[in-house]
Amino acid sequence: MLAKVWACTVFGIDAYPVEVEVDVGKGLPSFDIVGLPDASVKEARERVRAAVRNCGLEIPTRRITVNLAPADLRKEGTGFDLAIAMALLAASGQVPPESLSGKVLAGELSLDGSLRPVSGVLSMAIACKGIGFDFVVPHANMGEASLVDGLQVLPVGHLTELLSVLRGEGEWGSHQGLRAVSSSQGSFDAGLDFADIAGQDQAKRALEIAAAGSHNVLMVGPPGSGKTLLARHLPSIMPPMHREEALEVTKIYSVAGLLKDKGSLVEARPFRSPHHSISYGGLIGGGKVPQPGEVSLAHHGVLFLDEFPEFSRRVIEQLRQPLEDGTVTIARVNATLTYPSQIMLLAAMNPCPCGYLGDALRPCTCTAGEVARYNARISGPLLDRIDIQLPVPRLEYDELTGERRGEPSRVIRDRVLEARRRQEQRLRHHGIFANARMQHRHLRQLTISQTAERMLSRAFRQLALSARAHDRILKVSRTIADLAGSEIVDAAHVAEALTYRTMDRQSITPSLNQQVRGE
């Protein structure tokens, strides 16, 4: 007898419907699974055997063939267990086949028949809504699946519970309340406050601009100047995610298996801080079946790379595509996958190997060649993609021990939220939430004063800026204007943006200001 049940497989961050066909026919007893299953799917036959037997049901002593269609799409994961078990029971006459019609089943079976949660449920739920089917999931995945509006989610906790409902002897389980989890994975302390950071007013201002426009930042300074401390406090002034952004991030974390037993919606913007020994695949993503890397796990959030030049040159050069396009494409023999990676890069580095180049109190012990090789690890094209290049000098003793406190994070965050609100009003018809995501065609529509135009023109020629650097300076200027509540990008906004291009400008900005004022 033949029975068919629907399941889903996750490929990249999207899920695709899979028809599970089970045939119980004549022949020597066997249990075969075909249709490009991976090892975890092939092992389902042993979990299904034990679970069905321990629930007091029968495994037919006949030839059992399971086909996962379409057969040319690779299947992976333990989420097929429940669908295979129910199709087998339907094919052997132990459950009415028509009761499984219009339903997609997902869940991993324990040997006693209870259901364990699986990864990628949010992607599966979106696929279920697309084909108009109900979605049967383990209780632990209920909150995640319920994030998709308009989808009928049916929770179950045990194989016998599902059988009882399908036979008309029971009812579906009750809805379990949603709860949000932080995607920072413990890297962000909610008690951090900018008011606790001594000095570094310019750095705090630059990070406020970065948070308001989602701009990339590179901090350069000697050891102990506060670069890491500033970075750790950045999430305290970041704006909350929109629901669309939260769903995208949750989808990635679900596929990566980081939502198991953790609830449902990811509300906090991700803050990822990998060690500089991370591999290419760990940062960008990869594997035989490519999985999302840190740049995708930081989607709509912050990727903090401390000791930036210590990362492998091959690894950090791969940041060019995500910083430019907001996506990462991973090509393999069997598939090419694209993961979203709209990140705000926050990097920190010393000015030289010893860390004290240009320090007023400690002499640098590096040779000119060592300094050149150290800085050459950050290529020009990559540096060109960083909007704000910020010096973080050593603190003076009075700054460190004084009683003067800076602004609290909540005050800075209010200004950031107001600036984001202005950006959304201006850019919402383009589907953009932050100035850093603007393309050149959007920049041409900005209102810029004549003095600002002249200043930017001189900077472009005298600093030999690339077209990309020109656009990024203009984006930062627009964010500064948003923070000031101005609809026009003025000379003061451009001048401040130019001060954050330390790798380009050297000491030219003051003369530019004088030239503009003299006209």
Protein backbone atom coordinates (compact mmCIF):
# COMPACT_ATOMS: atom_id res chain seq x y z
CA MET A 1 0.00 0.00 0.00
CA LEU A 2 1.19 3.55 -0.76
CA ALA A 3 0.79 6.64 1.47
CA LYS A 4 1.98 10.24 1.05
CA VAL A 5 2.72 12.90 3.66
CA TRP A 6 4.26 16.38 3.32
CA ALA A 7 7.41 17.58 5.10
CA CYS A 8 9.97 20.36 4.50
CA THR A 9 13.70 20.57 3.93
CA VAL A 10 15.82 23.64 4.60
CA PHE A 11 18.25 24.75 1.91
CA GLY A 12 20.24 27.84 2.85
CA ILE A 13 17.79 29.90 4.89
CA ASP A 14 14.72 28.92 2.87
CA ALA A 15 12.57 25.80 3.18
CA TYR A 16 11.03 23.76 0.38
CA PRO A 17 8.10 21.31 0.55
CA VAL A 18 9.06 17.63 0.28
CA GLU A 19 6.58 14.82 -0.40
CA VAL A 20 7.31 11.77 1.73
CA GLU A 21 6.10 8.68 -0.12
CA VAL A 22 6.04 5.33 1.70
CA ASP A 23 5.32 2.04 -0.02
CA VAL A 24 4.77 -1.17 1.94
CA GLY A 25 5.03 -3.98 -0.56
CA LYS A 26 5.93 -7.60 -1.07
CA GLY A 27 9.48 -8.82 -0.65
CA LEU A 28 12.07 -9.54 1.99
CA PRO A 29 11.76 -7.30 5.10
CA SER A 30 13.74 -4.08 4.59
CA PHE A 31 13.55 -0.36 5.27
CA ASP A 32 15.13 1.87 2.61
CA ILE A 33 15.11 5.68 2.33
CA VAL A 34 15.89 7.22 -1.07
CA GLY A 35 15.81 10.76 -2.51
CA LEU A 36 19.27 12.19 -1.66
CA PRO A 37 19.04 11.81 2.15
CA ASP A 38 22.05 12.67 4.30
CA ALA A 39 23.24 10.51 7.20
CA SER A 40 20.83 12.03 9.74
CA VAL A 41 17.86 11.33 7.44
CA LYS A 42 18.99 7.74 6.80
CA GLU A 43 19.22 7.19 10.56
CA ALA A 44 15.53 8.10 10.81
CA ARG A 45 14.60 4.49 10.01
CA GLU A 46 16.08 3.33 13.32
CA ARG A 47 14.42 6.10 15.32
CA VAL A 48 11.10 5.43 13.58
CA ARG A 49 11.34 1.66 14.19
CA ALA A 50 11.96 2.09 17.90
CA ALA A 51 9.42 4.90 18.40
CA VAL A 52 6.61 3.06 16.61
CA ARG A 53 7.35 -0.18 18.46
CA ASN A 54 7.55 1.53 21.88
CA CYS A 55 4.17 3.19 21.26
CA GLY A 56 2.53 -0.24 20.95
CA LEU A 57 2.21 -0.05 17.17
CA GLU A 58 3.41 -2.44 14.48
CA ILE A 59 6.20 -2.17 11.93
CA PRO A 60 5.18 -4.27 8.89
CA THR A 61 7.57 -7.17 8.26
CA ARG A 62 7.58 -6.36 4.55
CA ARG A 63 9.62 -4.33 2.10
CA ILE A 64 9.35 -0.65 3.11
CA THR A 65 10.52 2.01 0.67
CA VAL A 66 10.57 5.71 1.59
CA ASN A 67 11.03 8.24 -1.21
CA LEU A 68 11.66 11.93 -0.51
CA ALA A 69 10.52 13.89 -3.56
CA PRO A 70 11.82 15.79 -5.41
CA ALA A 71 14.65 13.28 -5.46
CA ASP A 72 17.23 15.72 -6.88
CA LEU A 73 17.06 18.05 -3.85
CA ARG A 74 19.37 17.11 -0.98
CA LYS A 75 17.58 16.37 2.31
CA GLU A 76 19.24 16.85 5.69
CA GLY A 77 18.32 17.04 9.35
CA THR A 78 16.12 15.08 11.74
CA GLY A 79 12.90 16.93 10.90
CA PHE A 80 11.66 14.13 8.59
CA ASP A 81 11.19 11.61 11.44
CA LEU A 82 7.57 12.44 12.18
CA ALA A 83 6.52 12.58 8.52
CA ILE A 84 8.17 9.21 7.76
CA ALA A 85 6.56 7.59 10.80
CA MET A 86 3.07 8.86 9.97
CA ALA A 87 3.35 7.92 6.30
CA LEU A 88 4.46 4.43 7.34
CA LEU A 89 1.50 4.07 9.72
CA ALA A 90 -0.88 5.32 7.02
CA ALA A 91 0.56 2.90 4.45
CA SER A 92 0.14 0.01 6.89
CA GLY A 93 -3.48 0.95 7.70
CA GLN A 94 -2.90 2.08 11.30
CA VAL A 95 -3.99 5.70 10.71
CA PRO A 96 -6.52 7.10 8.20
CA PRO A 97 -4.53 8.46 5.21
CA GLU A 98 -7.08 11.21 4.58
CA SER A 99 -6.43 12.65 8.06
CA LEU A 100 -2.93 13.66 6.95
CA SER A 101 -4.14 15.58 3.91
CA GLY A 102 -3.31 19.31 3.85
CA LYS A 103 -0.73 19.06 6.64
CA VAL A 104 3.05 19.44 6.76
CA LEU A 105 4.77 17.50 9.55
CA ALA A 106 8.11 18.31 11.19
CA GLY A 107 9.75 16.86 14.28
CA GLU A 108 12.48 14.57 15.58
CA LEU A 109 11.34 11.34 17.26
CA SER A 110 12.76 10.06 20.52
CA LEU A 111 12.90 6.30 20.93
CA ASP A 112 9.89 6.46 23.27
CA GLY A 113 7.81 8.36 20.69
CA SER A 114 8.08 11.85 22.18
CA LEU A 115 8.90 14.74 19.86
CA ARG A 116 12.01 16.89 20.02
CA PRO A 117 12.35 20.37 18.44
CA VAL A 118 14.14 20.83 15.12
CA SER A 119 15.99 23.70 13.45
CA GLY A 120 14.66 25.86 10.64
CA VAL A 121 11.01 25.81 11.75
CA LEU A 122 10.42 29.48 10.89
CA SER A 123 11.55 28.87 7.30
CA MET A 124 9.33 25.78 7.16
CA ALA A 125 6.37 27.75 8.49
CA ILE A 126 6.80 30.35 5.74
CA ALA A 127 6.88 27.55 3.15
CA CYS A 128 3.72 26.00 4.65
CA LYS A 129 1.86 29.28 4.39
CA GLY A 130 2.99 29.54 0.77
CA ILE A 131 1.30 26.25 -0.16
CA GLY A 132 -1.72 26.77 2.12
CA PHE A 133 -1.13 23.77 4.42
CA ASP A 134 -1.42 23.44 8.21
CA PHE A 135 1.84 22.90 10.12
CA VAL A 136 2.25 20.12 12.72
CA VAL A 137 5.25 20.80 15.01
CA PRO A 138 6.63 19.72 18.41
CA HIS A 139 5.42 21.80 21.35
CA ALA A 140 8.91 23.34 21.75
CA ASN A 141 8.73 24.82 18.23
CA MET A 142 5.22 26.23 18.65
CA GLY A 143 6.27 29.80 19.44
CA GLU A 144 8.65 30.01 16.51
CA ALA A 145 6.13 28.61 14.01
CA SER A 146 3.42 30.98 15.28
CA LEU A 147 5.45 34.00 14.16
CA VAL A 148 4.01 33.52 10.66
CA ASP A 149 0.65 35.27 10.56
CA GLY A 150 -2.26 33.43 8.99
CA LEU A 151 -0.76 29.95 9.44
CA GLN A 152 -2.61 27.20 11.34
CA VAL A 153 0.00 25.67 13.67
CA LEU A 154 -0.84 22.35 15.33
CA PRO A 155 1.41 21.43 18.29
CA VAL A 156 2.00 17.83 19.45
CA GLY A 157 4.22 16.36 22.11
CA HIS A 158 4.11 12.61 21.44
CA LEU A 159 3.47 10.21 18.58
CA THR A 160 0.50 8.65 20.38
CA GLU A 161 -0.99 12.12 20.94
CA LEU A 162 -0.90 12.79 17.20
CA LEU A 163 -2.41 9.39 16.44
CA SER A 164 -5.24 10.06 18.88
CA VAL A 165 -6.08 13.37 17.19
CA LEU A 166 -5.92 11.94 13.67
CA ARG A 167 -8.22 9.06 14.69
CA GLY A 168 -10.73 11.57 16.09
CA GLU A 169 -10.13 10.54 19.70
CA GLY A 170 -8.40 13.71 20.95
CA GLU A 171 -7.77 17.41 20.37
CA TRP A 172 -4.75 19.48 19.42
CA GLY A 173 -2.59 20.88 22.21
CA SER A 174 -3.01 24.44 23.45
CA HIS A 175 -0.96 27.36 22.20
CA GLN A 176 2.15 28.08 24.24
CA GLY A 177 3.01 31.75 24.77
CA LEU A 178 5.77 33.35 22.78
CA ARG A 179 8.85 34.64 24.46
CA ALA A 180 11.66 36.67 22.96
CA VAL A 181 15.33 35.81 23.19
CA SER A 182 18.46 37.85 22.67
CA SER A 183 20.53 36.92 19.66
CA SER A 184 23.68 38.30 21.26
CA GLN A 185 24.31 34.86 22.81
CA GLY A 186 25.49 36.41 26.07
CA SER A 187 27.87 38.94 24.49
CA PHE A 188 25.83 42.03 25.48
CA ASP A 189 25.24 43.10 29.08
CA ALA A 190 22.04 45.12 29.36
CA GLY A 191 23.56 47.02 32.33
CA LEU A 192 26.22 48.74 30.22
CA ASP A 193 25.93 52.53 29.99
CA PHE A 194 27.93 55.10 28.03
CA ALA A 195 27.90 57.33 31.12
CA ASP A 196 30.33 54.90 32.76
CA ILE A 197 33.01 55.45 30.09
CA ALA A 198 35.54 58.11 31.08
CA GLY A 199 36.54 60.64 28.41
CA GLN A 200 36.63 59.69 24.69
CA ASP A 201 33.95 62.23 23.78
CA GLN A 202 34.88 62.16 20.08
CA ALA A 203 34.68 58.36 20.00
CA LYS A 204 31.27 58.40 21.69
CA ARG A 205 30.03 60.96 19.18
CA ALA A 206 31.31 58.85 16.28
CA LEU A 207 29.59 55.73 17.63
CA GLU A 208 26.36 57.70 18.02
CA ILE A 209 26.57 58.65 14.34
CA ALA A 210 27.38 55.04 13.42
CA ALA A 211 24.39 53.71 15.37
CA ALA A 212 22.08 56.35 13.86
CA GLY A 213 23.03 55.47 10.27
CA SER A 214 24.36 51.88 10.60
CA HIS A 215 27.81 52.99 9.41
CA ASN A 216 30.97 50.87 9.51
CA VAL A 217 33.61 52.00 12.02
CA LEU A 218 37.35 51.39 12.46
CA MET A 219 38.87 52.51 15.80
CA VAL A 220 42.64 52.97 15.92
CA GLY A 221 44.48 53.56 19.18
CA PRO A 222 47.06 52.25 21.66
CA PRO A 223 46.35 49.36 24.04
CA GLY A 224 44.14 50.34 26.96
CA SER A 225 42.65 53.42 25.31
CA GLY A 226 39.13 52.01 25.57
CA LYS A 227 38.40 50.65 22.08
CA THR A 228 36.94 47.34 23.28
CA LEU A 229 35.05 49.07 26.09
CA LEU A 230 33.43 51.45 23.62
CA ALA A 231 32.51 48.57 21.33
CA ARG A 232 30.89 46.57 24.14
CA HIS A 233 28.72 49.56 25.04
CA LEU A 234 27.52 50.20 21.48
CA PRO A 235 24.44 47.89 21.72
CA SER A 236 23.10 50.10 24.52
CA ILE A 237 22.41 52.91 22.00
CA MET A 238 21.34 50.80 19.01
CA PRO A 239 17.72 51.18 17.85
CA PRO A 240 15.35 48.20 18.12
CA MET A 241 14.67 46.08 15.07
CA HIS A 242 11.53 46.37 12.99
CA ARG A 243 9.41 43.24 12.86
CA GLU A 244 10.60 42.51 9.33
CA GLU A 245 14.22 42.72 10.48
CA ALA A 246 13.51 40.58 13.56
CA LEU A 247 11.90 37.87 11.42
CA GLU A 248 14.89 37.82 9.05
CA VAL A 249 17.34 37.47 11.95
CA THR A 250 15.18 34.83 13.64
CA LYS A 251 15.09 32.88 10.38
CA ILE A 252 18.89 32.80 10.22
CA TYR A 253 19.24 31.77 13.87
CA SER A 254 16.60 29.10 13.42
CA VAL A 255 18.44 27.58 10.44
CA ALA A 256 21.73 27.76 12.37
CA GLY A 257 20.14 25.84 15.26
CA LEU A 258 20.57 28.68 17.76
CA LEU A 259 16.89 28.89 18.75
CA LYS A 260 16.47 25.37 20.16
CA ASP A 261 14.92 25.52 23.64
CA LYS A 262 15.33 29.30 23.58
CA GLY A 263 11.88 30.53 22.62
CA SER A 264 10.96 32.26 19.43
CA LEU A 265 11.44 35.82 18.20
CA VAL A 266 14.90 37.42 18.27
CA GLU A 267 14.32 40.99 19.41
CA ALA A 268 17.78 42.32 20.26
CA ARG A 269 20.07 43.36 17.44
CA PRO A 270 22.84 40.77 17.10
CA PHE A 271 26.27 41.64 18.47
CA ARG A 272 28.82 39.07 17.30
CA SER A 273 32.44 39.19 18.41
CA PRO A 274 34.49 36.29 16.97
CA HIS A 275 38.13 35.72 17.95
CA HIS A 276 40.80 36.65 15.42
CA SER A 277 41.70 32.98 15.00
CA ILE A 278 38.34 32.30 13.31
CA SER A 279 38.45 30.38 10.03
CA TYR A 280 37.18 31.51 6.64
CA GLY A 281 34.11 29.29 6.95
CA GLY A 282 33.41 30.44 10.50
CA LEU A 283 33.32 34.11 9.52
CA ILE A 284 31.84 34.00 6.03
CA GLY A 285 29.99 30.68 6.20
CA GLY A 286 30.69 27.34 4.59
CA GLY A 287 30.92 23.60 5.04
CA LYS A 288 30.00 20.71 2.80
CA VAL A 289 26.43 21.87 3.17
CA PRO A 290 27.05 25.62 3.67
CA GLN A 291 25.93 27.07 6.99
CA PRO A 292 25.68 30.78 7.86
CA GLY A 293 28.84 32.34 9.30
CA GLU A 294 29.34 35.21 11.73
CA VAL A 295 28.64 37.87 9.07
CA SER A 296 25.17 36.38 8.56
CA LEU A 297 24.56 35.81 12.27
CA ALA A 298 25.26 39.55 12.68
CA HIS A 299 22.61 40.45 10.06
CA HIS A 300 20.91 43.75 11.01
CA GLY A 301 23.34 44.02 13.91
CA VAL A 302 27.00 44.56 14.76
CA LEU A 303 30.02 42.44 13.83
CA PHE A 304 32.87 43.44 16.16
CA LEU A 305 36.36 42.43 15.04
CA ASP A 306 38.90 43.24 17.73
CA GLU A 307 42.61 43.24 16.81
CA PHE A 308 41.54 43.65 13.18
CA PRO A 309 44.95 43.12 11.49
CA GLU A 310 45.44 39.85 13.41
CA PHE A 311 42.68 38.19 11.41
CA SER A 312 43.80 36.17 8.42
CA ARG A 313 44.22 38.37 5.34
CA ARG A 314 42.18 35.87 3.30
CA VAL A 315 39.39 36.01 5.88
CA ILE A 316 39.01 39.78 6.21
CA GLU A 317 39.29 40.39 2.47
CA GLN A 318 36.14 38.32 2.07
CA LEU A 319 34.28 41.05 3.96
CA ARG A 320 34.22 43.14 0.80
CA GLN A 321 31.08 41.51 -0.64
CA PRO A 322 28.93 41.65 2.53
CA LEU A 323 29.99 45.25 3.24
CA GLU A 324 29.14 46.30 -0.32
CA ASP A 325 26.14 44.13 -1.23
CA GLY A 326 24.71 43.05 2.14
CA THR A 327 24.86 39.39 1.09
CA VAL A 328 27.30 36.47 1.13
CA THR A 329 27.37 33.98 -1.74
CA ILE A 330 28.89 30.55 -1.07
CA ALA A 331 29.47 28.31 -4.06
CA ARG A 332 29.84 24.55 -3.78
CA VAL A 333 29.77 21.74 -6.32
CA ASN A 334 26.20 20.77 -5.44
CA ALA A 335 24.77 24.20 -4.69
CA THR A 336 25.27 27.95 -4.56
CA LEU A 337 23.69 29.63 -1.53
CA THR A 338 23.24 33.30 -0.70
CA TYR A 339 22.89 34.42 2.91
CA PRO A 340 21.87 37.95 3.98
CA SER A 341 24.56 39.97 5.79
CA GLN A 342 23.55 43.59 6.20
CA ILE A 343 25.96 44.23 9.02
CA MET A 344 27.46 47.21 10.79
CA LEU A 345 31.17 46.41 10.96
CA LEU A 346 32.93 47.65 14.09
CA ALA A 347 36.68 46.98 14.00
CA ALA A 348 39.49 47.93 16.39
CA MET A 349 43.24 47.90 15.88
CA ASN A 350 46.52 49.25 17.22
CA PRO A 351 48.46 51.74 15.09
CA CYS A 352 51.46 49.39 14.93
CA PRO A 353 52.57 45.95 16.19
CA CYS A 354 53.73 47.25 19.57
CA GLY A 355 50.72 49.55 19.74
CA TYR A 356 52.42 52.85 20.65
CA LEU A 357 53.07 54.58 17.34
CA GLY A 358 52.36 58.28 17.87
CA ASP A 359 51.85 57.87 21.63
CA ALA A 360 53.01 60.88 23.63
CA LEU A 361 54.24 58.90 26.63
CA ARG A 362 55.56 55.58 25.35
CA PRO A 363 57.96 55.31 22.42
CA CYS A 364 57.21 52.97 19.53
CA THR A 365 59.70 50.10 19.20
CA CYS A 366 58.64 49.06 15.69
CA THR A 367 60.67 49.61 12.54
CA ALA A 368 59.21 51.46 9.60
CA GLY A 369 58.96 48.19 7.70
CA GLU A 370 57.08 46.47 10.52
CA VAL A 371 54.59 49.33 10.72
CA ALA A 372 54.09 49.29 6.95
CA ARG A 373 53.53 45.53 6.85
CA TYR A 374 51.15 45.70 9.82
CA ASN A 375 48.95 48.37 8.26
CA ALA A 376 49.12 46.71 4.84
CA ARG A 377 47.11 43.81 6.27
CA ILE A 378 44.08 46.09 5.86
CA SER A 379 43.86 46.64 2.12
CA GLY A 380 42.83 49.92 0.52
CA PRO A 381 39.63 48.52 -1.04
CA LEU A 382 38.51 47.17 2.35
CA LEU A 383 39.41 50.41 4.12
CA ASP A 384 37.45 52.29 1.47
CA ARG A 385 34.30 50.47 2.63
CA ILE A 386 34.63 51.72 6.21
CA ASP A 387 32.66 54.94 6.67
CA ILE A 388 34.18 56.16 9.95
CA GLN A 389 37.90 55.84 10.68
CA LEU A 390 38.36 56.98 14.23
CA PRO A 391 41.48 57.66 16.36
CA VAL A 392 41.07 56.64 20.00
CA PRO A 393 43.95 58.28 21.92
CA ARG A 394 45.27 57.44 25.36
CA LEU A 395 43.27 58.96 28.23
CA GLU A 396 44.86 61.61 30.44
CA TYR A 397 44.94 60.93 34.17
CA ASP A 398 42.43 63.68 34.93
CA GLU A 399 39.99 62.23 32.38
CA LEU A 400 40.32 58.78 33.88
CA THR A 401 39.86 59.77 37.54
CA GLY A 402 37.64 62.85 37.20
CA GLU A 403 34.04 62.93 38.37
CA ARG A 404 32.67 64.27 35.11
CA ARG A 405 30.22 61.80 33.62
CA GLY A 406 29.16 61.60 30.02
CA GLU A 407 25.64 61.32 28.70
CA PRO A 408 23.77 58.13 29.64
CA SER A 409 22.98 55.64 26.91
CA ARG A 410 19.24 56.29 27.10
CA VAL A 411 19.75 59.97 26.15
CA ILE A 412 22.02 59.10 23.23
CA ARG A 413 19.63 56.33 22.18
CA ASP A 414 16.73 58.81 22.04
CA ARG A 415 18.66 60.93 19.55
CA VAL A 416 19.54 57.82 17.54
CA LEU A 417 15.87 56.77 17.43
CA GLU A 418 14.80 60.23 16.25
CA ALA A 419 17.45 60.19 13.52
CA ARG A 420 16.31 56.72 12.40
CA ARG A 421 12.72 57.95 12.30
CA ARG A 422 13.77 60.73 9.91
CA GLN A 423 15.61 58.24 7.71
CA GLU A 424 12.64 55.90 7.56
CA GLN A 425 10.30 58.70 6.54
CA ARG A 426 12.67 59.71 3.78
CA LEU A 427 13.63 56.22 2.55
CA ARG A 428 10.69 53.93 3.34
CA HIS A 429 9.44 53.93 -0.26
CA HIS A 430 12.85 52.50 -1.23
CA GLY A 431 12.60 49.72 1.38
CA ILE A 432 15.61 51.11 3.30
CA PHE A 433 15.82 51.66 7.07
CA ALA A 434 19.25 53.36 7.42
CA ASN A 435 21.42 55.85 5.53
CA ALA A 436 24.27 53.37 5.15
CA ARG A 437 22.05 51.26 2.86
CA MET A 438 21.52 54.08 0.35
CA GLN A 439 22.73 53.55 -3.20
CA HIS A 440 24.25 56.20 -5.45
CA ARG A 441 20.88 56.90 -7.05
CA HIS A 442 19.46 57.75 -3.61
CA LEU A 443 22.36 60.10 -2.86
CA ARG A 444 21.62 62.12 -5.98
CA GLN A 445 18.22 62.98 -4.47
CA LEU A 446 19.68 64.50 -1.27
CA THR A 447 19.44 68.24 -0.65
CA ILE A 448 22.96 69.64 -0.20
CA SER A 449 23.96 73.28 0.31
CA GLN A 450 26.37 74.95 -2.12
CA THR A 451 29.06 75.39 0.53
CA ALA A 452 28.82 71.70 1.40
CA GLU A 453 29.13 70.84 -2.31
CA ARG A 454 32.28 72.99 -2.65
CA MET A 455 33.84 71.46 0.45
CA LEU A 456 33.15 67.92 -0.75
CA SER A 457 34.48 68.77 -4.21
CA ARG A 458 37.80 70.03 -2.82
CA ALA A 459 38.11 67.05 -0.51
CA PHE A 460 37.50 64.70 -3.43
CA ARG A 461 40.35 66.24 -5.44
CA GLN A 462 42.88 66.93 -2.70
CA LEU A 463 42.43 63.62 -0.86
CA ALA A 464 42.21 61.64 -4.12
CA LEU A 465 39.04 59.98 -2.87
CA SER A 466 37.42 57.12 -4.71
CA ALA A 467 33.81 57.30 -5.82
CA ARG A 468 32.95 54.85 -3.04
CA ALA A 469 34.65 57.03 -0.38
CA HIS A 470 32.80 60.09 -1.73
CA ASP A 471 29.46 58.31 -1.35
CA ARG A 472 30.26 57.09 2.15
CA ILE A 473 31.27 60.58 3.30
CA LEU A 474 27.97 61.86 1.93
CA LYS A 475 26.04 59.13 3.76
CA VAL A 476 27.73 60.00 7.07
CA SER A 477 27.03 63.71 6.42
CA ARG A 478 23.35 62.88 5.89
CA THR A 479 23.27 61.00 9.22
CA ILE A 480 24.91 63.92 11.03
CA ALA A 481 22.26 66.20 9.54
CA ASP A 482 19.54 63.79 10.72
CA LEU A 483 20.93 63.91 14.25
CA ALA A 484 20.87 67.71 14.05
CA GLY A 485 17.29 67.68 12.78
CA SER A 486 18.28 69.33 9.49
CA GLU A 487 16.65 68.55 6.15
CA ILE A 488 19.69 69.98 4.30
CA VAL A 489 23.22 68.61 4.35
CA ASP A 490 25.31 71.67 5.20
CA ALA A 491 29.05 72.43 5.27
CA ALA A 492 29.29 71.73 9.01
CA HIS A 493 27.90 68.24 8.49
CA VAL A 494 30.35 67.48 5.67
CA ALA A 495 33.25 68.93 7.69
CA GLU A 496 32.49 66.64 10.61
CA ALA A 497 32.15 63.63 8.28
CA LEU A 498 35.58 64.41 6.82
CA THR A 499 37.13 64.36 10.28
CA TYR A 500 36.17 60.69 10.46
CA ARG A 501 38.28 59.78 7.40
CA THR A 502 41.64 59.79 9.21
CA MET A 503 43.20 57.33 6.79
CA ASP A 504 42.37 59.67 3.86
CA ARG A 505 42.52 63.23 5.07
CA GLN A 506 45.61 63.41 7.38
CA SER A 507 45.55 67.14 8.30
CA ILE A 508 43.76 68.66 5.34
CA THR A 509 40.29 69.28 6.78
CA PRO A 510 41.14 72.57 8.62
CA SER A 511 42.46 74.10 5.40
CA LEU A 512 39.31 73.03 3.56
CA ASN A 513 37.20 74.85 6.12
CA GLN A 514 39.28 77.99 5.74
CA GLN A 515 39.03 77.88 1.94
CA VAL A 516 35.24 77.55 2.02
CA ARG A 517 34.87 80.40 4.52
CA GLY A 518 37.13 82.61 2.39
CA GLU A 519 34.90 82.37 -0.67
